[in-house]
Amino acid sequence: YLHSVEPPCIPYIGFYLTNLTFIEEGAPELIQKQLINFSKRYKLSSVICEIQQYQQTPYRLTPVPFIQQFILEEEIFDDNILYNISIQREPKFNQIPNQNIYSIEYEYEYEYIP
């Protein structure tokens, strides 16, 4: 289906990573213990070229000033704060035994801005 879509588009990268992993892990580096497996290299190259094809077409986006301003003014959290929010929302099983994760109070509230 993706081949029939006219770029620009954002393909699901997981599909390509899965293909690359199967090719890398499933095909030997050498054939008959001494010859380079060019078939494997060709398959890897084909997948990478397909990914690059979608990167060649520029997006023709029109800037929307109020969205740009919203993004620029958004608070930036450091990794520790983001990790703590993540643990609050999806606690590790051994950290909060027998507690319903949906009853956790969240420290941050977000306001919808139309």
N, C-alpha and C. Protein backbone atom coordinates (compact mmCIF):
# COMPACT_ATOMS: atom_id res chain seq x y z
N TYR A 1 0.82 -1.20 0.00
CA TYR A 1 0.00 0.00 0.00
C TYR A 1 0.86 1.26 0.00
N LEU A 2 1.92 1.27 0.77
CA LEU A 2 2.74 2.46 0.92
C LEU A 2 3.36 2.89 -0.41
N HIS A 3 3.64 1.93 -1.27
CA HIS A 3 4.24 2.27 -2.57
C HIS A 3 3.28 3.05 -3.45
N SER A 4 1.98 2.98 -3.18
CA SER A 4 1.01 3.71 -4.00
C SER A 4 0.77 5.12 -3.47
N VAL A 5 1.32 5.47 -2.31
CA VAL A 5 1.14 6.79 -1.72
C VAL A 5 2.18 7.73 -2.28
N GLU A 6 1.74 8.92 -2.65
CA GLU A 6 2.68 9.90 -3.18
C GLU A 6 3.34 10.65 -2.03
N PRO A 7 4.68 10.69 -2.03
CA PRO A 7 5.38 11.40 -0.95
C PRO A 7 5.03 12.89 -0.97
N PRO A 8 5.19 13.59 0.12
CA PRO A 8 5.83 13.13 1.33
C PRO A 8 4.86 12.32 2.20
N CYS A 9 5.42 11.37 2.89
CA CYS A 9 4.68 10.58 3.86
C CYS A 9 5.65 10.08 4.91
N ILE A 10 5.11 9.65 6.02
CA ILE A 10 5.95 9.14 7.10
C ILE A 10 5.63 7.65 7.25
N PRO A 11 6.50 6.80 6.74
CA PRO A 11 6.24 5.37 6.87
C PRO A 11 6.48 4.90 8.30
N TYR A 12 5.88 3.80 8.67
CA TYR A 12 6.09 3.22 9.99
C TYR A 12 7.47 2.60 10.02
N ILE A 13 8.36 3.22 10.79
CA ILE A 13 9.76 2.80 10.79
C ILE A 13 9.94 1.40 11.38
N GLY A 14 9.03 0.98 12.27
CA GLY A 14 9.12 -0.34 12.87
C GLY A 14 9.12 -1.45 11.83
N PHE A 15 8.36 -1.25 10.76
CA PHE A 15 8.31 -2.23 9.67
C PHE A 15 9.70 -2.41 9.06
N TYR A 16 10.37 -1.29 8.79
CA TYR A 16 11.68 -1.35 8.17
C TYR A 16 12.73 -1.89 9.13
N LEU A 17 12.64 -1.51 10.40
CA LEU A 17 13.59 -2.03 11.38
C LEU A 17 13.44 -3.53 11.55
N THR A 18 12.21 -4.01 11.50
CA THR A 18 11.98 -5.46 11.58
C THR A 18 12.60 -6.16 10.38
N ASN A 19 12.40 -5.61 9.20
CA ASN A 19 12.98 -6.20 8.00
C ASN A 19 14.51 -6.22 8.08
N LEU A 20 15.10 -5.10 8.51
CA LEU A 20 16.55 -5.03 8.62
C LEU A 20 17.07 -6.05 9.63
N THR A 21 16.35 -6.19 10.74
CA THR A 21 16.77 -7.16 11.76
C THR A 21 16.71 -8.58 11.23
N PHE A 22 15.62 -8.94 10.56
CA PHE A 22 15.49 -10.29 10.02
C PHE A 22 16.58 -10.58 8.98
N ILE A 23 16.87 -9.60 8.14
CA ILE A 23 17.91 -9.81 7.14
C ILE A 23 19.27 -9.96 7.82
N GLU A 24 19.56 -9.07 8.77
CA GLU A 24 20.86 -9.10 9.45
C GLU A 24 21.06 -10.38 10.25
N GLU A 25 20.03 -10.76 11.00
CA GLU A 25 20.16 -11.92 11.87
C GLU A 25 19.94 -13.24 11.13
N GLY A 26 19.15 -13.21 10.06
CA GLY A 26 18.75 -14.44 9.41
C GLY A 26 19.64 -14.90 8.28
N ALA A 27 20.47 -14.02 7.77
CA ALA A 27 21.32 -14.41 6.64
C ALA A 27 22.78 -14.39 7.08
N PRO A 28 23.55 -15.36 6.65
CA PRO A 28 24.96 -15.40 7.06
C PRO A 28 25.78 -14.31 6.38
N GLU A 29 26.85 -13.89 7.06
CA GLU A 29 27.76 -12.89 6.50
C GLU A 29 28.53 -13.46 5.31
N LEU A 30 28.91 -14.72 5.48
CA LEU A 30 29.72 -15.38 4.46
C LEU A 30 28.99 -16.61 3.93
N ILE A 31 29.24 -16.90 2.67
CA ILE A 31 28.70 -18.11 2.04
C ILE A 31 29.91 -19.05 1.82
N GLN A 32 29.73 -20.30 2.10
CA GLN A 32 30.78 -21.31 1.98
C GLN A 32 32.03 -20.92 2.78
N LYS A 33 31.80 -20.20 3.89
CA LYS A 33 32.83 -19.82 4.87
C LYS A 33 33.89 -18.86 4.36
N GLN A 34 33.78 -18.40 3.10
CA GLN A 34 34.82 -17.49 2.60
C GLN A 34 34.31 -16.43 1.63
N LEU A 35 33.12 -16.59 1.10
CA LEU A 35 32.61 -15.63 0.12
C LEU A 35 31.61 -14.67 0.78
N ILE A 36 31.75 -13.39 0.48
CA ILE A 36 30.84 -12.39 1.03
C ILE A 36 29.44 -12.65 0.49
N ASN A 37 28.45 -12.59 1.37
CA ASN A 37 27.06 -12.82 0.99
C ASN A 37 26.49 -11.53 0.39
N PHE A 38 26.67 -11.35 -0.91
CA PHE A 38 26.20 -10.14 -1.57
C PHE A 38 24.68 -10.07 -1.64
N SER A 39 24.03 -11.21 -1.61
CA SER A 39 22.57 -11.23 -1.59
C SER A 39 22.05 -10.54 -0.33
N LYS A 40 22.68 -10.83 0.80
CA LYS A 40 22.31 -10.19 2.05
C LYS A 40 22.55 -8.67 1.96
N ARG A 41 23.70 -8.28 1.43
CA ARG A 41 24.02 -6.85 1.29
C ARG A 41 23.02 -6.16 0.38
N TYR A 42 22.61 -6.83 -0.68
CA TYR A 42 21.65 -6.24 -1.61
C TYR A 42 20.30 -6.03 -0.93
N LYS A 43 19.87 -7.02 -0.15
CA LYS A 43 18.59 -6.90 0.56
C LYS A 43 18.64 -5.77 1.58
N LEU A 44 19.73 -5.66 2.34
CA LEU A 44 19.88 -4.57 3.29
C LEU A 44 19.85 -3.22 2.57
N SER A 45 20.57 -3.15 1.47
CA SER A 45 20.62 -1.92 0.68
C SER A 45 19.24 -1.53 0.15
N SER A 46 18.46 -2.50 -0.28
CA SER A 46 17.11 -2.21 -0.80
C SER A 46 16.22 -1.60 0.27
N VAL A 47 16.28 -2.13 1.48
CA VAL A 47 15.46 -1.60 2.57
C VAL A 47 15.91 -0.18 2.91
N ILE A 48 17.21 0.03 3.00
CA ILE A 48 17.72 1.36 3.34
C ILE A 48 17.39 2.38 2.25
N CYS A 49 17.50 1.98 0.99
CA CYS A 49 17.13 2.87 -0.12
C CYS A 49 15.66 3.26 -0.07
N GLU A 50 14.82 2.32 0.31
CA GLU A 50 13.39 2.62 0.41
C GLU A 50 13.13 3.65 1.51
N ILE A 51 13.81 3.51 2.63
CA ILE A 51 13.68 4.51 3.70
C ILE A 51 14.15 5.87 3.20
N GLN A 52 15.28 5.90 2.52
CA GLN A 52 15.82 7.16 2.02
C GLN A 52 14.91 7.81 0.99
N GLN A 53 14.19 7.01 0.24
CA GLN A 53 13.26 7.54 -0.76
C GLN A 53 12.24 8.47 -0.10
N TYR A 54 11.76 8.09 1.09
CA TYR A 54 10.76 8.90 1.77
C TYR A 54 11.37 10.14 2.43
N GLN A 55 12.68 10.17 2.55
CA GLN A 55 13.35 11.32 3.13
C GLN A 55 13.72 12.37 2.08
N GLN A 56 13.57 12.05 0.81
CA GLN A 56 13.99 12.95 -0.26
C GLN A 56 12.97 14.03 -0.58
N THR A 57 11.71 13.76 -0.33
CA THR A 57 10.66 14.70 -0.68
C THR A 57 10.42 15.67 0.48
N PRO A 58 10.59 16.96 0.24
CA PRO A 58 10.39 17.91 1.34
C PRO A 58 8.90 18.08 1.66
N TYR A 59 8.64 18.41 2.89
CA TYR A 59 7.27 18.71 3.30
C TYR A 59 7.02 20.19 3.03
N ARG A 60 5.92 20.48 2.40
CA ARG A 60 5.56 21.85 2.11
C ARG A 60 4.54 22.32 3.14
N LEU A 61 5.05 22.63 4.31
CA LEU A 61 4.19 23.03 5.41
C LEU A 61 4.16 24.54 5.53
N THR A 62 2.99 25.07 5.81
CA THR A 62 2.85 26.49 6.04
C THR A 62 2.97 26.75 7.53
N PRO A 63 3.87 27.64 7.93
CA PRO A 63 4.01 27.92 9.36
C PRO A 63 2.71 28.49 9.95
N VAL A 64 2.38 28.03 11.13
CA VAL A 64 1.21 28.53 11.85
C VAL A 64 1.76 29.19 13.13
N PRO A 65 1.77 30.53 13.14
CA PRO A 65 2.46 31.25 14.22
C PRO A 65 2.00 30.87 15.63
N PHE A 66 0.69 30.73 15.88
CA PHE A 66 0.26 30.44 17.24
C PHE A 66 0.68 29.04 17.69
N ILE A 67 0.82 28.09 16.75
CA ILE A 67 1.31 26.76 17.10
C ILE A 67 2.81 26.83 17.39
N GLN A 68 3.54 27.56 16.57
CA GLN A 68 4.97 27.73 16.81
C GLN A 68 5.22 28.37 18.18
N GLN A 69 4.45 29.39 18.49
CA GLN A 69 4.60 30.08 19.77
C GLN A 69 4.29 29.14 20.93
N PHE A 70 3.23 28.34 20.79
CA PHE A 70 2.86 27.38 21.83
C PHE A 70 3.99 26.40 22.10
N ILE A 71 4.59 25.90 21.03
CA ILE A 71 5.68 24.94 21.17
C ILE A 71 6.89 25.60 21.82
N LEU A 72 7.21 26.81 21.40
CA LEU A 72 8.37 27.51 21.96
C LEU A 72 8.19 27.87 23.43
N GLU A 73 6.94 28.12 23.83
CA GLU A 73 6.68 28.51 25.22
C GLU A 73 6.43 27.32 26.13
N GLU A 74 6.30 26.13 25.57
CA GLU A 74 6.01 24.95 26.38
C GLU A 74 7.17 24.68 27.33
N GLU A 75 6.82 24.29 28.54
CA GLU A 75 7.83 24.00 29.55
C GLU A 75 8.63 22.77 29.14
N ILE A 76 9.93 22.84 29.32
CA ILE A 76 10.81 21.73 28.98
C ILE A 76 11.19 21.03 30.28
N PHE A 77 10.89 19.74 30.36
CA PHE A 77 11.20 18.96 31.55
C PHE A 77 12.53 18.25 31.36
N ASP A 78 13.28 18.10 32.43
CA ASP A 78 14.50 17.31 32.33
C ASP A 78 14.15 15.83 32.44
N ASP A 79 15.12 14.98 32.21
CA ASP A 79 14.88 13.54 32.16
C ASP A 79 14.34 12.99 33.48
N ASN A 80 14.81 13.52 34.60
CA ASN A 80 14.35 13.02 35.90
C ASN A 80 12.86 13.28 36.11
N ILE A 81 12.40 14.48 35.74
CA ILE A 81 10.98 14.80 35.87
C ILE A 81 10.15 13.92 34.96
N LEU A 82 10.59 13.75 33.73
CA LEU A 82 9.86 12.89 32.79
C LEU A 82 9.82 11.45 33.28
N TYR A 83 10.91 10.97 33.85
CA TYR A 83 10.93 9.61 34.38
C TYR A 83 9.93 9.47 35.53
N ASN A 84 9.90 10.46 36.42
CA ASN A 84 8.97 10.42 37.56
C ASN A 84 7.51 10.45 37.10
N ILE A 85 7.21 11.26 36.08
CA ILE A 85 5.85 11.28 35.53
C ILE A 85 5.51 9.91 34.94
N SER A 86 6.47 9.31 34.24
CA SER A 86 6.26 8.00 33.64
C SER A 86 5.98 6.95 34.72
N ILE A 87 6.73 6.98 35.81
CA ILE A 87 6.53 6.02 36.90
C ILE A 87 5.17 6.25 37.56
N GLN A 88 4.74 7.52 37.67
CA GLN A 88 3.42 7.80 38.23
C GLN A 88 2.31 7.21 37.37
N ARG A 89 2.46 7.37 36.08
CA ARG A 89 1.39 6.93 35.18
C ARG A 89 1.41 5.43 34.93
N GLU A 90 2.60 4.85 34.89
CA GLU A 90 2.74 3.41 34.69
C GLU A 90 3.76 2.89 35.68
N PRO A 91 3.35 2.74 36.94
CA PRO A 91 4.31 2.30 37.96
C PRO A 91 4.80 0.88 37.71
N LYS A 92 6.00 0.64 38.15
CA LYS A 92 6.54 -0.71 38.07
C LYS A 92 5.80 -1.56 39.10
N PHE A 93 5.58 -2.81 38.78
CA PHE A 93 4.78 -3.68 39.65
C PHE A 93 5.36 -3.80 41.05
N ASN A 94 6.68 -3.80 41.16
CA ASN A 94 7.27 -3.98 42.48
C ASN A 94 7.32 -2.69 43.30
N GLN A 95 6.97 -1.55 42.71
CA GLN A 95 7.01 -0.29 43.45
C GLN A 95 5.71 0.00 44.19
N ILE A 96 4.59 -0.34 43.60
CA ILE A 96 3.30 -0.04 44.21
C ILE A 96 2.45 -1.32 44.19
N PRO A 97 2.63 -2.18 45.16
CA PRO A 97 1.87 -3.44 45.15
C PRO A 97 0.39 -3.21 45.43
N ASN A 98 -0.45 -3.94 44.70
CA ASN A 98 -1.90 -3.93 44.91
C ASN A 98 -2.55 -2.56 44.82
N GLN A 99 -1.97 -1.65 44.07
CA GLN A 99 -2.58 -0.33 43.92
C GLN A 99 -3.10 -0.17 42.50
N ASN A 100 -4.29 0.37 42.39
CA ASN A 100 -4.88 0.63 41.09
C ASN A 100 -4.17 1.82 40.46
N ILE A 101 -3.54 1.62 39.27
CA ILE A 101 -2.78 2.70 38.67
C ILE A 101 -3.67 3.86 38.24
N TYR A 102 -4.96 3.61 38.10
CA TYR A 102 -5.85 4.68 37.65
C TYR A 102 -6.25 5.61 38.79
N SER A 103 -5.90 5.25 40.03
CA SER A 103 -6.25 6.09 41.16
C SER A 103 -5.11 7.01 41.58
N ILE A 104 -4.01 6.97 40.86
CA ILE A 104 -2.86 7.80 41.21
C ILE A 104 -3.14 9.26 40.88
N GLU A 105 -2.83 10.14 41.80
CA GLU A 105 -2.98 11.57 41.56
C GLU A 105 -1.79 12.04 40.71
N TYR A 106 -2.08 12.82 39.70
CA TYR A 106 -1.02 13.33 38.85
C TYR A 106 -0.60 14.70 39.32
N GLU A 107 0.72 14.91 39.31
CA GLU A 107 1.27 16.16 39.79
C GLU A 107 1.05 17.29 38.78
N TYR A 108 1.00 16.95 37.48
CA TYR A 108 0.90 17.97 36.45
C TYR A 108 -0.47 17.92 35.79
N GLU A 109 -1.02 19.08 35.54
CA GLU A 109 -2.27 19.17 34.82
C GLU A 109 -2.02 19.94 33.54
N TYR A 110 -2.68 19.52 32.48
CA TYR A 110 -2.51 20.17 31.20
C TYR A 110 -3.83 20.77 30.76
N GLU A 111 -3.74 21.93 30.21
CA GLU A 111 -4.94 22.66 29.80
C GLU A 111 -5.03 22.61 28.28
N TYR A 112 -6.21 22.34 27.79
CA TYR A 112 -6.43 22.33 26.35
C TYR A 112 -6.55 23.76 25.88
N ILE A 113 -5.76 24.14 24.88
CA ILE A 113 -5.82 25.49 24.31
C ILE A 113 -6.28 25.36 22.87
N PRO A 114 -7.47 25.84 22.57
CA PRO A 114 -7.97 25.71 21.19
C PRO A 114 -7.23 26.58 20.22
